[in-house]
């Protein structure tokens, strides 16, 4: 994917309700989703926690409950680019990645060669394992 294909979800998150209960009063956890389906019903998410074709989709209502004039549908939210310029990495991180070329298909080498480095890039270190402490 290219940089222009990544969008910030901040405005979208502000326009929906972050529900923990679906329309059938059952608990909903984002990290257990395996199958999403979107249809023409605005502000509604159909989902499954399994890939079983026989099981029915559950429904999650994303519409915020507000007094007064109803808000626009989430389809009208303008998504902004996630990053206005290319992300940078440290020179040490790029050097480490270039040393791994023997295990990277040659068709992907140019991506790593083109990575931009700066002195003030923050090295986040290795990613830690995700703990199942969902905070909605």
N, C-alpha and C. Protein backbone atom coordinates (compact mmCIF):
# COMPACT_ATOMS: atom_id res chain seq x y z
N UNK A 1 0.84 -1.19 0.00
CA UNK A 1 0.00 0.00 0.00
C UNK A 1 0.88 1.24 0.00
N UNK A 2 0.34 2.29 -0.55
CA UNK A 2 1.05 3.55 -0.62
C UNK A 2 0.59 4.48 0.51
N UNK A 3 1.39 5.50 0.80
CA UNK A 3 1.10 6.42 1.89
C UNK A 3 -0.28 7.06 1.73
N UNK A 4 -0.66 7.43 0.52
CA UNK A 4 -1.94 8.11 0.31
C UNK A 4 -3.15 7.19 0.55
N UNK A 5 -2.91 5.90 0.76
CA UNK A 5 -4.00 4.96 1.01
C UNK A 5 -4.27 4.75 2.50
N UNK A 6 -3.53 5.43 3.37
CA UNK A 6 -3.73 5.33 4.82
C UNK A 6 -4.43 6.58 5.31
N UNK A 7 -5.53 6.40 6.05
CA UNK A 7 -6.32 7.51 6.53
C UNK A 7 -6.45 7.49 8.04
N UNK A 8 -6.56 8.68 8.62
CA UNK A 8 -6.80 8.80 10.05
C UNK A 8 -8.27 8.47 10.32
N UNK A 9 -8.51 7.71 11.36
CA UNK A 9 -9.89 7.37 11.73
C UNK A 9 -10.41 8.23 12.87
N UNK A 10 -9.64 9.25 13.26
CA UNK A 10 -9.99 10.08 14.41
C UNK A 10 -11.37 10.72 14.26
N UNK A 11 -11.67 11.35 13.13
CA UNK A 11 -12.97 11.99 12.93
C UNK A 11 -14.09 10.96 12.86
N UNK A 12 -13.81 9.81 12.28
CA UNK A 12 -14.79 8.74 12.20
C UNK A 12 -15.12 8.22 13.60
N UNK A 13 -14.10 8.04 14.42
CA UNK A 13 -14.32 7.56 15.79
C UNK A 13 -15.16 8.53 16.60
N UNK A 14 -14.99 9.82 16.35
CA UNK A 14 -15.77 10.83 17.07
C UNK A 14 -17.24 10.82 16.66
N UNK A 15 -17.52 10.32 15.47
CA UNK A 15 -18.90 10.38 14.95
C UNK A 15 -19.72 9.14 15.26
N UNK A 16 -19.13 8.12 15.89
CA UNK A 16 -19.87 6.90 16.19
C UNK A 16 -19.93 6.66 17.70
N UNK A 17 -20.88 5.85 18.09
CA UNK A 17 -20.97 5.42 19.48
C UNK A 17 -20.10 4.19 19.66
N UNK A 18 -19.32 4.17 20.71
CA UNK A 18 -18.44 3.02 20.97
C UNK A 18 -19.18 2.07 21.91
N UNK A 19 -20.00 1.26 21.33
CA UNK A 19 -20.85 0.36 22.11
C UNK A 19 -20.12 -0.91 22.51
N UNK A 20 -20.54 -1.45 23.65
CA UNK A 20 -20.00 -2.72 24.13
C UNK A 20 -21.09 -3.79 24.15
N UNK A 21 -22.29 -3.41 23.76
CA UNK A 21 -23.43 -4.33 23.72
C UNK A 21 -24.06 -4.23 22.33
N UNK A 22 -24.35 -5.39 21.70
CA UNK A 22 -24.97 -5.36 20.38
C UNK A 22 -26.49 -5.21 20.50
N UNK A 23 -27.18 -5.27 19.38
CA UNK A 23 -28.63 -5.05 19.39
C UNK A 23 -29.40 -6.16 20.07
N UNK A 24 -28.76 -7.32 20.29
CA UNK A 24 -29.42 -8.42 21.00
C UNK A 24 -28.95 -8.51 22.45
N UNK A 25 -28.38 -7.40 22.94
CA UNK A 25 -27.93 -7.28 24.34
C UNK A 25 -26.80 -8.25 24.70
N UNK A 26 -25.99 -8.61 23.73
CA UNK A 26 -24.83 -9.47 23.97
C UNK A 26 -23.57 -8.62 23.93
N UNK A 27 -22.55 -9.05 24.68
CA UNK A 27 -21.30 -8.31 24.73
C UNK A 27 -20.62 -8.31 23.36
N UNK A 28 -20.01 -7.19 23.04
CA UNK A 28 -19.32 -7.00 21.78
C UNK A 28 -17.87 -6.61 22.07
N UNK A 29 -16.92 -7.32 21.43
CA UNK A 29 -15.49 -7.00 21.57
C UNK A 29 -14.88 -6.92 20.18
N UNK A 30 -14.28 -5.78 19.89
CA UNK A 30 -13.70 -5.56 18.57
C UNK A 30 -12.66 -6.61 18.19
N UNK A 31 -11.86 -7.03 19.12
CA UNK A 31 -10.77 -7.94 18.80
C UNK A 31 -11.22 -9.37 18.54
N UNK A 32 -12.48 -9.67 18.78
CA UNK A 32 -12.98 -11.01 18.50
C UNK A 32 -13.65 -11.09 17.13
N UNK A 33 -13.74 -9.97 16.42
CA UNK A 33 -14.37 -9.97 15.10
C UNK A 33 -13.55 -10.76 14.11
N UNK A 34 -14.26 -11.56 13.30
CA UNK A 34 -13.59 -12.29 12.24
C UNK A 34 -14.20 -12.00 10.87
N UNK A 35 -15.42 -11.47 10.87
CA UNK A 35 -16.10 -11.25 9.61
C UNK A 35 -16.95 -10.00 9.74
N UNK A 36 -16.74 -9.04 8.85
CA UNK A 36 -17.53 -7.81 8.83
C UNK A 36 -18.35 -7.76 7.56
N UNK A 37 -19.54 -7.22 7.69
CA UNK A 37 -20.38 -7.02 6.51
C UNK A 37 -21.04 -5.66 6.64
N UNK A 38 -20.93 -4.88 5.58
CA UNK A 38 -21.56 -3.57 5.55
C UNK A 38 -22.67 -3.62 4.52
N UNK A 39 -23.79 -3.02 4.86
CA UNK A 39 -24.89 -2.96 3.91
C UNK A 39 -25.38 -1.52 3.80
N UNK A 40 -26.52 -1.31 3.20
CA UNK A 40 -27.00 0.05 2.95
C UNK A 40 -27.61 0.71 4.18
N UNK A 41 -27.76 -0.02 5.29
CA UNK A 41 -28.32 0.57 6.50
C UNK A 41 -27.25 1.45 7.14
N UNK A 42 -27.49 2.77 7.24
CA UNK A 42 -26.45 3.65 7.79
C UNK A 42 -26.18 3.39 9.26
N UNK A 43 -24.94 3.59 9.64
CA UNK A 43 -24.50 3.49 11.04
C UNK A 43 -24.73 2.12 11.66
N UNK A 44 -24.72 1.08 10.85
CA UNK A 44 -24.92 -0.28 11.34
C UNK A 44 -23.79 -1.17 10.84
N UNK A 45 -23.29 -2.00 11.74
CA UNK A 45 -22.22 -2.93 11.42
C UNK A 45 -22.71 -4.34 11.65
N UNK A 46 -22.62 -5.19 10.65
CA UNK A 46 -22.95 -6.60 10.79
C UNK A 46 -21.63 -7.35 10.99
N UNK A 47 -21.62 -8.28 11.92
CA UNK A 47 -20.36 -8.95 12.22
C UNK A 47 -20.59 -10.38 12.70
N UNK A 48 -19.50 -11.16 12.62
CA UNK A 48 -19.46 -12.51 13.18
C UNK A 48 -18.15 -12.64 13.95
N UNK A 49 -18.19 -13.47 14.96
CA UNK A 49 -16.99 -13.79 15.71
C UNK A 49 -16.44 -15.15 15.28
N UNK A 50 -16.92 -15.62 14.15
CA UNK A 50 -16.49 -16.89 13.59
C UNK A 50 -16.57 -16.78 12.07
N UNK A 51 -15.92 -17.68 11.37
CA UNK A 51 -16.00 -17.72 9.91
C UNK A 51 -17.00 -18.77 9.43
N UNK A 52 -17.80 -19.26 10.35
CA UNK A 52 -18.82 -20.26 10.04
C UNK A 52 -19.91 -19.63 9.18
N UNK A 53 -20.14 -20.19 7.98
CA UNK A 53 -21.15 -19.66 7.06
C UNK A 53 -22.57 -19.82 7.58
N UNK A 54 -22.79 -20.81 8.43
CA UNK A 54 -24.14 -21.11 8.91
C UNK A 54 -24.60 -20.10 9.98
N UNK A 55 -23.68 -19.63 10.78
CA UNK A 55 -24.02 -18.72 11.86
C UNK A 55 -24.50 -17.37 11.31
N UNK A 56 -25.52 -16.81 11.95
CA UNK A 56 -26.06 -15.52 11.52
C UNK A 56 -25.15 -14.37 11.94
N UNK A 57 -25.26 -13.26 11.22
CA UNK A 57 -24.53 -12.06 11.57
C UNK A 57 -25.20 -11.38 12.76
N UNK A 58 -24.39 -10.85 13.66
CA UNK A 58 -24.90 -10.01 14.74
C UNK A 58 -24.87 -8.57 14.27
N UNK A 59 -25.61 -7.70 14.93
CA UNK A 59 -25.70 -6.31 14.52
C UNK A 59 -25.23 -5.39 15.64
N UNK A 60 -24.45 -4.40 15.26
CA UNK A 60 -24.00 -3.39 16.20
C UNK A 60 -24.45 -2.04 15.67
N UNK A 61 -25.18 -1.31 16.51
CA UNK A 61 -25.66 0.02 16.14
C UNK A 61 -24.60 1.04 16.52
N UNK A 62 -24.05 1.75 15.54
CA UNK A 62 -22.98 2.71 15.77
C UNK A 62 -23.48 4.14 15.91
N UNK A 63 -24.78 4.33 15.79
CA UNK A 63 -25.36 5.68 15.80
C UNK A 63 -25.31 6.25 17.21
N UNK A 64 -24.80 7.49 17.31
CA UNK A 64 -24.78 8.17 18.59
C UNK A 64 -26.19 8.63 18.94
N UNK A 65 -26.56 8.45 20.19
CA UNK A 65 -27.85 8.93 20.66
C UNK A 65 -27.69 10.38 21.11
N UNK A 66 -28.28 11.29 20.35
CA UNK A 66 -28.17 12.70 20.67
C UNK A 66 -29.54 13.33 20.71
N UNK A 67 -29.66 14.37 21.50
CA UNK A 67 -30.91 15.12 21.55
C UNK A 67 -30.89 16.15 20.43
N UNK A 68 -32.07 16.49 19.94
CA UNK A 68 -32.16 17.51 18.91
C UNK A 68 -31.98 16.96 17.52
N UNK A 69 -31.40 17.76 16.68
CA UNK A 69 -31.24 17.42 15.27
C UNK A 69 -30.30 16.22 15.09
N UNK A 70 -30.71 15.23 14.30
CA UNK A 70 -29.85 14.05 14.10
C UNK A 70 -28.56 14.42 13.35
N UNK A 71 -27.50 13.71 13.70
CA UNK A 71 -26.21 13.94 13.06
C UNK A 71 -26.17 13.26 11.70
N UNK A 72 -25.20 13.66 10.91
CA UNK A 72 -25.03 13.06 9.59
C UNK A 72 -24.54 11.62 9.73
N UNK A 73 -24.73 10.85 8.70
CA UNK A 73 -24.29 9.46 8.67
C UNK A 73 -22.76 9.40 8.65
N UNK A 74 -22.21 8.28 9.10
CA UNK A 74 -20.76 8.14 9.09
C UNK A 74 -20.20 8.14 7.67
N UNK A 75 -21.05 7.89 6.69
CA UNK A 75 -20.57 7.90 5.31
C UNK A 75 -20.21 9.31 4.85
N UNK A 76 -20.66 10.33 5.58
CA UNK A 76 -20.36 11.71 5.19
C UNK A 76 -19.10 12.24 5.88
N UNK A 77 -18.45 11.44 6.69
CA UNK A 77 -17.23 11.88 7.38
C UNK A 77 -16.07 11.90 6.39
N UNK A 78 -15.39 13.04 6.32
CA UNK A 78 -14.22 13.15 5.45
C UNK A 78 -13.01 12.58 6.18
N UNK A 79 -12.33 11.65 5.55
CA UNK A 79 -11.15 11.04 6.15
C UNK A 79 -9.91 11.80 5.70
N UNK A 80 -9.10 12.20 6.68
CA UNK A 80 -7.85 12.91 6.40
C UNK A 80 -6.71 11.91 6.27
N UNK A 81 -5.65 12.29 5.56
CA UNK A 81 -4.49 11.39 5.47
C UNK A 81 -3.94 11.12 6.87
N UNK A 82 -3.48 9.90 7.10
CA UNK A 82 -2.94 9.54 8.39
C UNK A 82 -1.64 10.28 8.67
N UNK A 83 -0.79 10.40 7.67
CA UNK A 83 0.48 11.12 7.81
C UNK A 83 0.62 12.08 6.64
N UNK A 84 0.90 13.35 6.90
CA UNK A 84 1.02 14.32 5.80
C UNK A 84 2.31 14.16 4.99
N UNK A 85 3.31 13.50 5.58
CA UNK A 85 4.57 13.28 4.87
C UNK A 85 5.05 11.86 5.20
N UNK A 86 6.01 11.36 4.43
CA UNK A 86 6.48 9.99 4.69
C UNK A 86 7.03 9.84 6.11
N UNK A 87 6.78 8.70 6.71
CA UNK A 87 7.31 8.41 8.05
C UNK A 87 8.81 8.18 7.94
N UNK A 88 9.53 8.56 8.96
CA UNK A 88 10.97 8.38 8.95
C UNK A 88 11.37 7.35 10.00
N UNK A 89 12.52 6.77 9.79
CA UNK A 89 13.08 5.80 10.73
C UNK A 89 14.51 6.19 11.04
N UNK A 90 15.08 5.59 12.05
CA UNK A 90 16.47 5.87 12.39
C UNK A 90 17.39 5.17 11.38
N UNK A 91 18.58 5.73 11.24
CA UNK A 91 19.57 5.13 10.33
C UNK A 91 19.93 3.72 10.78
N UNK A 92 19.98 3.50 12.10
CA UNK A 92 20.32 2.17 12.62
C UNK A 92 19.25 1.15 12.25
N UNK A 93 17.98 1.55 12.31
CA UNK A 93 16.90 0.62 11.95
C UNK A 93 16.96 0.28 10.46
N UNK A 94 17.22 1.29 9.63
CA UNK A 94 17.32 1.03 8.19
C UNK A 94 18.49 0.08 7.91
N UNK A 95 19.62 0.30 8.58
CA UNK A 95 20.79 -0.57 8.40
C UNK A 95 20.42 -2.01 8.77
N UNK A 96 19.70 -2.19 9.88
CA UNK A 96 19.28 -3.53 10.29
C UNK A 96 18.40 -4.18 9.23
N UNK A 97 17.48 -3.41 8.66
CA UNK A 97 16.58 -3.96 7.63
C UNK A 97 17.34 -4.33 6.37
N UNK A 98 18.30 -3.51 5.98
CA UNK A 98 19.08 -3.81 4.78
C UNK A 98 19.92 -5.07 4.96
N UNK A 99 20.31 -5.36 6.18
CA UNK A 99 21.05 -6.59 6.45
C UNK A 99 20.19 -7.85 6.29
N UNK A 100 18.88 -7.68 6.27
CA UNK A 100 17.97 -8.81 6.13
C UNK A 100 17.59 -9.09 4.67
N UNK A 101 18.23 -8.41 3.73
CA UNK A 101 17.87 -8.55 2.32
C UNK A 101 17.88 -9.99 1.82
N UNK A 102 18.74 -10.81 2.34
CA UNK A 102 18.82 -12.19 1.84
C UNK A 102 17.51 -12.95 2.08
N UNK A 103 16.70 -12.50 3.03
CA UNK A 103 15.43 -13.17 3.32
C UNK A 103 14.23 -12.42 2.76
N UNK A 104 14.49 -11.28 2.14
CA UNK A 104 13.41 -10.47 1.56
C UNK A 104 13.43 -10.66 0.06
N UNK A 105 12.26 -10.93 -0.55
CA UNK A 105 12.22 -11.10 -2.01
C UNK A 105 12.79 -9.85 -2.70
N UNK A 106 13.57 -10.05 -3.75
CA UNK A 106 14.25 -8.93 -4.42
C UNK A 106 13.27 -7.90 -4.97
N UNK A 107 12.07 -8.32 -5.28
CA UNK A 107 11.08 -7.37 -5.79
C UNK A 107 10.71 -6.32 -4.73
N UNK A 108 10.96 -6.61 -3.46
CA UNK A 108 10.64 -5.69 -2.34
C UNK A 108 11.84 -4.87 -1.87
N UNK A 109 13.01 -5.11 -2.41
CA UNK A 109 14.21 -4.42 -1.94
C UNK A 109 14.11 -2.91 -2.09
N UNK A 110 13.55 -2.42 -3.20
CA UNK A 110 13.50 -0.98 -3.44
C UNK A 110 12.71 -0.25 -2.36
N UNK A 111 11.69 -0.88 -1.83
CA UNK A 111 10.91 -0.27 -0.74
C UNK A 111 11.83 0.06 0.43
N UNK A 112 12.66 -0.87 0.82
CA UNK A 112 13.56 -0.67 1.96
C UNK A 112 14.68 0.31 1.64
N UNK A 113 15.15 0.29 0.42
CA UNK A 113 16.19 1.23 0.00
C UNK A 113 15.64 2.66 0.04
N UNK A 114 14.39 2.85 -0.32
CA UNK A 114 13.78 4.19 -0.38
C UNK A 114 13.33 4.74 0.97
N UNK A 115 13.42 3.96 2.04
CA UNK A 115 13.00 4.46 3.35
C UNK A 115 13.79 5.69 3.75
N UNK A 116 13.08 6.68 4.30
CA UNK A 116 13.70 7.94 4.68
C UNK A 116 14.18 7.86 6.13
N UNK A 117 15.42 8.31 6.37
CA UNK A 117 15.95 8.31 7.73
C UNK A 117 16.19 9.75 8.18
N UNK A 118 16.04 9.97 9.49
CA UNK A 118 16.37 11.26 10.09
C UNK A 118 16.99 11.02 11.46
N UNK A 119 17.71 11.99 11.93
CA UNK A 119 18.34 11.90 13.24
C UNK A 119 17.30 11.95 14.37
N UNK A 120 16.20 12.67 14.14
CA UNK A 120 15.22 12.84 15.22
C UNK A 120 14.08 11.82 15.16
N UNK A 121 14.21 10.80 14.33
CA UNK A 121 13.19 9.73 14.29
C UNK A 121 13.21 8.99 15.62
N UNK A 122 12.03 8.62 16.08
CA UNK A 122 11.92 7.91 17.35
C UNK A 122 11.88 6.42 17.08
N UNK A 123 12.83 5.69 17.67
CA UNK A 123 12.85 4.24 17.53
C UNK A 123 11.95 3.65 18.60
N UNK A 124 10.85 3.03 18.19
CA UNK A 124 9.88 2.48 19.12
C UNK A 124 10.34 1.15 19.71
N UNK A 125 11.42 0.59 19.18
CA UNK A 125 11.90 -0.69 19.67
C UNK A 125 11.02 -1.82 19.18
N UNK A 126 11.27 -3.03 19.66
CA UNK A 126 10.44 -4.16 19.23
C UNK A 126 9.02 -4.03 19.77
N UNK A 127 8.08 -4.53 19.01
CA UNK A 127 6.68 -4.49 19.45
C UNK A 127 6.47 -5.54 20.53
N UNK A 128 5.72 -5.16 21.54
CA UNK A 128 5.42 -6.12 22.60
C UNK A 128 4.22 -6.96 22.19
N UNK A 129 4.09 -8.11 22.80
CA UNK A 129 2.93 -8.96 22.54
C UNK A 129 1.68 -8.26 23.04
N UNK A 130 0.61 -8.39 22.31
CA UNK A 130 -0.64 -7.75 22.71
C UNK A 130 -1.28 -8.53 23.83
N UNK A 131 -1.72 -7.80 24.85
CA UNK A 131 -2.45 -8.41 25.94
C UNK A 131 -3.92 -8.19 25.69
N UNK A 132 -4.75 -9.13 26.00
CA UNK A 132 -6.18 -9.06 25.70
C UNK A 132 -6.92 -8.19 26.72
N UNK A 133 -6.44 -6.96 26.88
CA UNK A 133 -7.11 -5.99 27.75
C UNK A 133 -7.71 -4.93 26.85
N UNK A 134 -8.87 -5.20 26.35
CA UNK A 134 -9.52 -4.32 25.41
C UNK A 134 -10.06 -3.10 26.11
N UNK A 135 -9.67 -1.92 25.63
CA UNK A 135 -10.21 -0.68 26.19
C UNK A 135 -10.95 0.02 25.08
N UNK A 136 -12.26 0.14 25.20
CA UNK A 136 -13.06 0.80 24.16
C UNK A 136 -13.36 2.21 24.50
